[in-house]
Amino acid sequence: MGKYVGIVVGVIIVAFGIIGLFGWWHYFTALCKGIFPAVLIFAGAVAVIAGLSEIKDESAAKKEEPQ
């Protein structure tokens, strides 16, 4: 019975979320506009760190490779 209660509660929460989204649409768009640059900065930083890590690993592999 717990599974069904979870599904019903989930549907109710989704319904309230949709109602709230329509009611506070302007606030939601303002939030998205504010978060978007921060997400870009974070994603760019992760990409740079991943690239530097890959270059470092490649350099270490070349040093360990017997010639």
PDB file of N, CA and C in Angstrom:
ATOM      1  N   MET A   1       0.822  -1.192   0.000  1.00  0.00           N
ATOM      2  CA  MET A   1       0.000   0.000   0.000  1.00  0.00           C
ATOM      3  C   MET A   1       0.865   1.254   0.000  1.00  0.00           C
ATOM      4  N   GLY A   2       2.076   1.173   0.498  1.00  0.00           N
ATOM      5  CA  GLY A   2       2.962   2.325   0.562  1.00  0.00           C
ATOM      6  C   GLY A   2       3.336   2.852  -0.814  1.00  0.00           C
ATOM      7  N   LYS A   3       3.434   1.939  -1.798  1.00  0.00           N
ATOM      8  CA  LYS A   3       3.770   2.361  -3.157  1.00  0.00           C
ATOM      9  C   LYS A   3       2.685   3.267  -3.716  1.00  0.00           C
ATOM     10  N   TYR A   4       1.444   2.889  -3.487  1.00  0.00           N
ATOM     11  CA  TYR A   4       0.322   3.652  -4.022  1.00  0.00           C
ATOM     12  C   TYR A   4       0.205   5.017  -3.351  1.00  0.00           C
ATOM     13  N   VAL A   5       0.476   5.055  -2.069  1.00  0.00           N
ATOM     14  CA  VAL A   5       0.449   6.330  -1.355  1.00  0.00           C
ATOM     15  C   VAL A   5       1.531   7.256  -1.912  1.00  0.00           C
ATOM     16  N   GLY A   6       2.691   6.714  -2.183  1.00  0.00           N
ATOM     17  CA  GLY A   6       3.773   7.510  -2.747  1.00  0.00           C
ATOM     18  C   GLY A   6       3.423   8.057  -4.121  1.00  0.00           C
ATOM     19  N   ILE A   7       2.759   7.244  -4.934  1.00  0.00           N
ATOM     20  CA  ILE A   7       2.345   7.688  -6.271  1.00  0.00           C
ATOM     21  C   ILE A   7       1.310   8.801  -6.153  1.00  0.00           C
ATOM     22  N   VAL A   8       0.326   8.631  -5.294  1.00  0.00           N
ATOM     23  CA  VAL A   8      -0.720   9.643  -5.122  1.00  0.00           C
ATOM     24  C   VAL A   8      -0.125  10.944  -4.596  1.00  0.00           C
ATOM     25  N   VAL A   9       0.735  10.854  -3.601  1.00  0.00           N
ATOM     26  CA  VAL A   9       1.379  12.051  -3.057  1.00  0.00           C
ATOM     27  C   VAL A   9       2.228  12.718  -4.136  1.00  0.00           C
ATOM     28  N   GLY A  10       2.926  11.935  -4.936  1.00  0.00           N
ATOM     29  CA  GLY A  10       3.731  12.490  -6.021  1.00  0.00           C
ATOM     30  C   GLY A  10       2.893  13.229  -7.047  1.00  0.00           C
ATOM     31  N   VAL A  11       1.744  12.665  -7.410  1.00  0.00           N
ATOM     32  CA  VAL A  11       0.846  13.318  -8.370  1.00  0.00           C
ATOM     33  C   VAL A  11       0.306  14.627  -7.791  1.00  0.00           C
ATOM     34  N   ILE A  12      -0.032  14.626  -6.524  1.00  0.00           N
ATOM     35  CA  ILE A  12      -0.533  15.843  -5.876  1.00  0.00           C
ATOM     36  C   ILE A  12       0.555  16.917  -5.852  1.00  0.00           C
ATOM     37  N   ILE A  13       1.772  16.544  -5.537  1.00  0.00           N
ATOM     38  CA  ILE A  13       2.871  17.504  -5.495  1.00  0.00           C
ATOM     39  C   ILE A  13       3.152  18.066  -6.885  1.00  0.00           C
ATOM     40  N   VAL A  14       3.133  17.215  -7.905  1.00  0.00           N
ATOM     41  CA  VAL A  14       3.329  17.686  -9.278  1.00  0.00           C
ATOM     42  C   VAL A  14       2.226  18.668  -9.660  1.00  0.00           C
ATOM     43  N   ALA A  15       0.985  18.370  -9.287  1.00  0.00           N
ATOM     44  CA  ALA A  15      -0.134  19.267  -9.600  1.00  0.00           C
ATOM     45  C   ALA A  15       0.062  20.624  -8.934  1.00  0.00           C
ATOM     46  N   PHE A  16       0.451  20.632  -7.664  1.00  0.00           N
ATOM     47  CA  PHE A  16       0.714  21.898  -6.981  1.00  0.00           C
ATOM     48  C   PHE A  16       1.879  22.641  -7.643  1.00  0.00           C
ATOM     49  N   GLY A  17       2.887  21.913  -8.076  1.00  0.00           N
ATOM     50  CA  GLY A  17       4.018  22.536  -8.758  1.00  0.00           C
ATOM     51  C   GLY A  17       3.614  23.191 -10.062  1.00  0.00           C
ATOM     52  N   ILE A  18       2.761  22.536 -10.832  1.00  0.00           N
ATOM     53  CA  ILE A  18       2.292  23.106 -12.098  1.00  0.00           C
ATOM     54  C   ILE A  18       1.432  24.341 -11.839  1.00  0.00           C
ATOM     55  N   ILE A  19       0.559  24.261 -10.858  1.00  0.00           N
ATOM     56  CA  ILE A  19      -0.263  25.426 -10.494  1.00  0.00           C
ATOM     57  C   ILE A  19       0.630  26.581 -10.050  1.00  0.00           C
ATOM     58  N   GLY A  20       1.620  26.291  -9.242  1.00  0.00           N
ATOM     59  CA  GLY A  20       2.551  27.329  -8.782  1.00  0.00           C
ATOM     60  C   GLY A  20       3.372  27.905  -9.917  1.00  0.00           C
ATOM     61  N   LEU A  21       3.758  27.070 -10.860  1.00  0.00           N
ATOM     62  CA  LEU A  21       4.543  27.541 -12.000  1.00  0.00           C
ATOM     63  C   LEU A  21       3.741  28.549 -12.821  1.00  0.00           C
ATOM     64  N   PHE A  22       2.468  28.250 -13.057  1.00  0.00           N
ATOM     65  CA  PHE A  22       1.630  29.193 -13.797  1.00  0.00           C
ATOM     66  C   PHE A  22       1.348  30.452 -12.985  1.00  0.00           C
ATOM     67  N   GLY A  23       1.184  30.299 -11.690  1.00  0.00           N
ATOM     68  CA  GLY A  23       0.884  31.450 -10.830  1.00  0.00           C
ATOM     69  C   GLY A  23       2.055  32.389 -10.656  1.00  0.00           C
ATOM     70  N   TRP A  24       3.261  31.841 -10.628  1.00  0.00           N
ATOM     71  CA  TRP A  24       4.454  32.649 -10.392  1.00  0.00           C
ATOM     72  C   TRP A  24       5.413  32.572 -11.575  1.00  0.00           C
ATOM     73  N   TRP A  25       4.872  32.614 -12.781  1.00  0.00           N
ATOM     74  CA  TRP A  25       5.675  32.448 -13.986  1.00  0.00           C
ATOM     75  C   TRP A  25       6.793  33.491 -14.067  1.00  0.00           C
ATOM     76  N   HIS A  26       6.503  34.740 -13.750  1.00  0.00           N
ATOM     77  CA  HIS A  26       7.507  35.802 -13.861  1.00  0.00           C
ATOM     78  C   HIS A  26       8.667  35.563 -12.891  1.00  0.00           C
ATOM     79  N   TYR A  27       8.354  35.099 -11.710  1.00  0.00           N
ATOM     80  CA  TYR A  27       9.418  34.790 -10.754  1.00  0.00           C
ATOM     81  C   TYR A  27      10.268  33.616 -11.249  1.00  0.00           C
ATOM     82  N   PHE A  28       9.604  32.641 -11.854  1.00  0.00           N
ATOM     83  CA  PHE A  28      10.323  31.480 -12.380  1.00  0.00           C
ATOM     84  C   PHE A  28      11.274  31.892 -13.495  1.00  0.00           C
ATOM     85  N   THR A  29      10.818  32.734 -14.414  1.00  0.00           N
ATOM     86  CA  THR A  29      11.691  33.180 -15.509  1.00  0.00           C
ATOM     87  C   THR A  29      12.843  34.023 -14.970  1.00  0.00           C
ATOM     88  N   ALA A  30      12.588  34.850 -13.968  1.00  0.00           N
ATOM     89  CA  ALA A  30      13.661  35.638 -13.364  1.00  0.00           C
ATOM     90  C   ALA A  30      14.694  34.725 -12.711  1.00  0.00           C
ATOM     91  N   LEU A  31      14.220  33.676 -12.065  1.00  0.00           N
ATOM     92  CA  LEU A  31      15.128  32.709 -11.449  1.00  0.00           C
ATOM     93  C   LEU A  31      15.990  32.030 -12.507  1.00  0.00           C
ATOM     94  N   CYS A  32      15.362  31.626 -13.611  1.00  0.00           N
ATOM     95  CA  CYS A  32      16.104  30.974 -14.693  1.00  0.00           C
ATOM     96  C   CYS A  32      17.138  31.916 -15.292  1.00  0.00           C
ATOM     97  N   LYS A  33      16.769  33.180 -15.468  1.00  0.00           N
ATOM     98  CA  LYS A  33      17.708  34.172 -16.004  1.00  0.00           C
ATOM     99  C   LYS A  33      18.883  34.369 -15.048  1.00  0.00           C
ATOM    100  N   GLY A  34      18.636  34.290 -13.772  1.00  0.00           N
ATOM    101  CA  GLY A  34      19.702  34.467 -12.796  1.00  0.00           C
ATOM    102  C   GLY A  34      20.591  33.244 -12.660  1.00  0.00           C
ATOM    103  N   ILE A  35      20.032  32.072 -12.818  1.00  0.00           N
ATOM    104  CA  ILE A  35      20.800  30.841 -12.650  1.00  0.00           C
ATOM    105  C   ILE A  35      21.621  30.513 -13.888  1.00  0.00           C
ATOM    106  N   PHE A  36      21.137  30.885 -15.069  1.00  0.00           N
ATOM    107  CA  PHE A  36      21.782  30.502 -16.326  1.00  0.00           C
ATOM    108  C   PHE A  36      23.259  30.900 -16.392  1.00  0.00           C
ATOM    109  N   PRO A  37      23.639  32.147 -16.071  1.00  0.00           N
ATOM    110  CA  PRO A  37      25.072  32.483 -16.114  1.00  0.00           C
ATOM    111  C   PRO A  37      25.907  31.669 -15.122  1.00  0.00           C
ATOM    112  N   ALA A  38      25.355  31.416 -13.952  1.00  0.00           N
ATOM    113  CA  ALA A  38      26.085  30.632 -12.960  1.00  0.00           C
ATOM    114  C   ALA A  38      26.301  29.205 -13.448  1.00  0.00           C
ATOM    115  N   VAL A  39      25.301  28.628 -14.103  1.00  0.00           N
ATOM    116  CA  VAL A  39      25.436  27.274 -14.644  1.00  0.00           C
ATOM    117  C   VAL A  39      26.490  27.257 -15.749  1.00  0.00           C
ATOM    118  N   LEU A  40      26.496  28.286 -16.593  1.00  0.00           N
ATOM    119  CA  LEU A  40      27.509  28.364 -17.648  1.00  0.00           C
ATOM    120  C   LEU A  40      28.915  28.455 -17.065  1.00  0.00           C
ATOM    121  N   ILE A  41      29.090  29.268 -16.039  1.00  0.00           N
ATOM    122  CA  ILE A  41      30.394  29.397 -15.393  1.00  0.00           C
ATOM    123  C   ILE A  41      30.826  28.062 -14.797  1.00  0.00           C
ATOM    124  N   PHE A  42      29.917  27.395 -14.100  1.00  0.00           N
ATOM    125  CA  PHE A  42      30.239  26.113 -13.481  1.00  0.00           C
ATOM    126  C   PHE A  42      30.573  25.060 -14.535  1.00  0.00           C
ATOM    127  N   ALA A  43      29.765  24.979 -15.588  1.00  0.00           N
ATOM    128  CA  ALA A  43      30.011  23.990 -16.643  1.00  0.00           C
ATOM    129  C   ALA A  43      31.325  24.278 -17.357  1.00  0.00           C
ATOM    130  N   GLY A  44      31.620  25.538 -17.607  1.00  0.00           N
ATOM    131  CA  GLY A  44      32.892  25.900 -18.228  1.00  0.00           C
ATOM    132  C   GLY A  44      34.076  25.534 -17.356  1.00  0.00           C
ATOM    133  N   ALA A  45      33.956  25.774 -16.055  1.00  0.00           N
ATOM    134  CA  ALA A  45      35.039  25.425 -15.137  1.00  0.00           C
ATOM    135  C   ALA A  45      35.260  23.915 -15.102  1.00  0.00           C
ATOM    136  N   VAL A  46      34.187  23.154 -15.103  1.00  0.00           N
ATOM    137  CA  VAL A  46      34.305  21.694 -15.118  1.00  0.00           C
ATOM    138  C   VAL A  46      34.981  21.226 -16.407  1.00  0.00           C
ATOM    139  N   ALA A  47      34.620  21.839 -17.539  1.00  0.00           N
ATOM    140  CA  ALA A  47      35.227  21.469 -18.820  1.00  0.00           C
ATOM    141  C   ALA A  47      36.720  21.792 -18.836  1.00  0.00           C
ATOM    142  N   VAL A  48      37.092  22.946 -18.290  1.00  0.00           N
ATOM    143  CA  VAL A  48      38.509  23.312 -18.229  1.00  0.00           C
ATOM    144  C   VAL A  48      39.274  22.351 -17.333  1.00  0.00           C
ATOM    145  N   ILE A  49      38.730  22.037 -16.181  1.00  0.00           N
ATOM    146  CA  ILE A  49      39.398  21.113 -15.265  1.00  0.00           C
ATOM    147  C   ILE A  49      39.532  19.737 -15.898  1.00  0.00           C
ATOM    148  N   ALA A  50      38.498  19.273 -16.585  1.00  0.00           N
ATOM    149  CA  ALA A  50      38.562  17.966 -17.248  1.00  0.00           C
ATOM    150  C   ALA A  50      39.623  17.978 -18.345  1.00  0.00           C
ATOM    151  N   GLY A  51      39.689  19.056 -19.113  1.00  0.00           N
ATOM    152  CA  GLY A  51      40.696  19.155 -20.164  1.00  0.00           C
ATOM    153  C   GLY A  51      42.109  19.178 -19.607  1.00  0.00           C
ATOM    154  N   LEU A  52      42.323  19.957 -18.554  1.00  0.00           N
ATOM    155  CA  LEU A  52      43.643  20.006 -17.931  1.00  0.00           C
ATOM    156  C   LEU A  52      44.025  18.656 -17.341  1.00  0.00           C
ATOM    157  N   SER A  53      43.076  17.973 -16.746  1.00  0.00           N
ATOM    158  CA  SER A  53      43.335  16.649 -16.188  1.00  0.00           C
ATOM    159  C   SER A  53      43.718  15.662 -17.285  1.00  0.00           C
ATOM    160  N   GLU A  54      43.026  15.739 -18.419  1.00  0.00           N
ATOM    161  CA  GLU A  54      43.340  14.846 -19.529  1.00  0.00           C
ATOM    162  C   GLU A  54      44.741  15.126 -20.087  1.00  0.00           C
ATOM    163  N   ILE A  55      45.101  16.400 -20.192  1.00  0.00           N
ATOM    164  CA  ILE A  55      46.451  16.760 -20.660  1.00  0.00           C
ATOM    165  C   ILE A  55      47.492  16.261 -19.675  1.00  0.00           C
ATOM    166  N   LYS A  56      47.234  16.415 -18.385  1.00  0.00           N
ATOM    167  CA  LYS A  56      48.162  15.955 -17.356  1.00  0.00           C
ATOM    168  C   LYS A  56      48.328  14.431 -17.416  1.00  0.00           C
ATOM    169  N   ASP A  57      47.226  13.697 -17.566  1.00  0.00           N
ATOM    170  CA  ASP A  57      47.290  12.238 -17.660  1.00  0.00           C
ATOM    171  C   ASP A  57      48.054  11.806 -18.908  1.00  0.00           C
ATOM    172  N   GLU A  58      47.825  12.482 -20.019  1.00  0.00           N
ATOM    173  CA  GLU A  58      48.512  12.152 -21.263  1.00  0.00           C
ATOM    174  C   GLU A  58      50.013  12.404 -21.131  1.00  0.00           C
ATOM    175  N   SER A  59      50.374  13.492 -20.464  1.00  0.00           N
ATOM    176  CA  SER A  59      51.783  13.809 -20.253  1.00  0.00           C
ATOM    177  C   SER A  59      52.443  12.768 -19.347  1.00  0.00           C
ATOM    178  N   ALA A  60      51.741  12.352 -18.303  1.00  0.00           N
ATOM    179  CA  ALA A  60      52.277  11.343 -17.388  1.00  0.00           C
ATOM    180  C   ALA A  60      52.426  10.000 -18.100  1.00  0.00           C
ATOM    181  N   ALA A  61      51.505   9.672 -18.986  1.00  0.00           N
ATOM    182  CA  ALA A  61      51.579   8.402 -19.716  1.00  0.00           C
ATOM    183  C   ALA A  61      52.772   8.401 -20.667  1.00  0.00           C
ATOM    184  N   LYS A  62      53.076   9.539 -21.267  1.00  0.00           N
ATOM    185  CA  LYS A  62      54.226   9.627 -22.180  1.00  0.00           C
ATOM    186  C   LYS A  62      55.537   9.455 -21.404  1.00  0.00           C
ATOM    187  N   LYS A  63      55.574   9.994 -20.175  1.00  0.00           N
ATOM    188  CA  LYS A  63      56.802   9.872 -19.360  1.00  0.00           C
ATOM    189  C   LYS A  63      57.030   8.424 -18.924  1.00  0.00           C
ATOM    190  N   GLU A  64      55.964   7.682 -18.652  1.00  0.00           N
ATOM    191  CA  GLU A  64      56.092   6.297 -18.205  1.00  0.00           C
ATOM    192  C   GLU A  64      56.341   5.333 -19.350  1.00  0.00           C
ATOM    193  N   GLU A  65      56.048   5.745 -20.550  1.00  0.00           N
ATOM    194  CA  GLU A  65      56.187   4.877 -21.730  1.00  0.00           C
ATOM    195  C   GLU A  65      57.664   4.617 -22.026  1.00  0.00           C
ATOM    196  N   PRO A  66      58.054   3.327 -22.091  1.00  0.00           N
ATOM    197  CA  PRO A  66      59.457   3.028 -22.417  1.00  0.00           C
ATOM    198  C   PRO A  66      59.743   3.361 -23.879  1.00  0.00           C
ATOM    199  N   GLN A  67      60.966   3.846 -24.103  1.00  0.00           N
ATOM    200  CA  GLN A  67      61.326   4.251 -25.463  1.00  0.00           C
ATOM    201  C   GLN A  67      62.358   3.379 -26.057  1.00  0.00           C
TER     202      GLN A  67
END
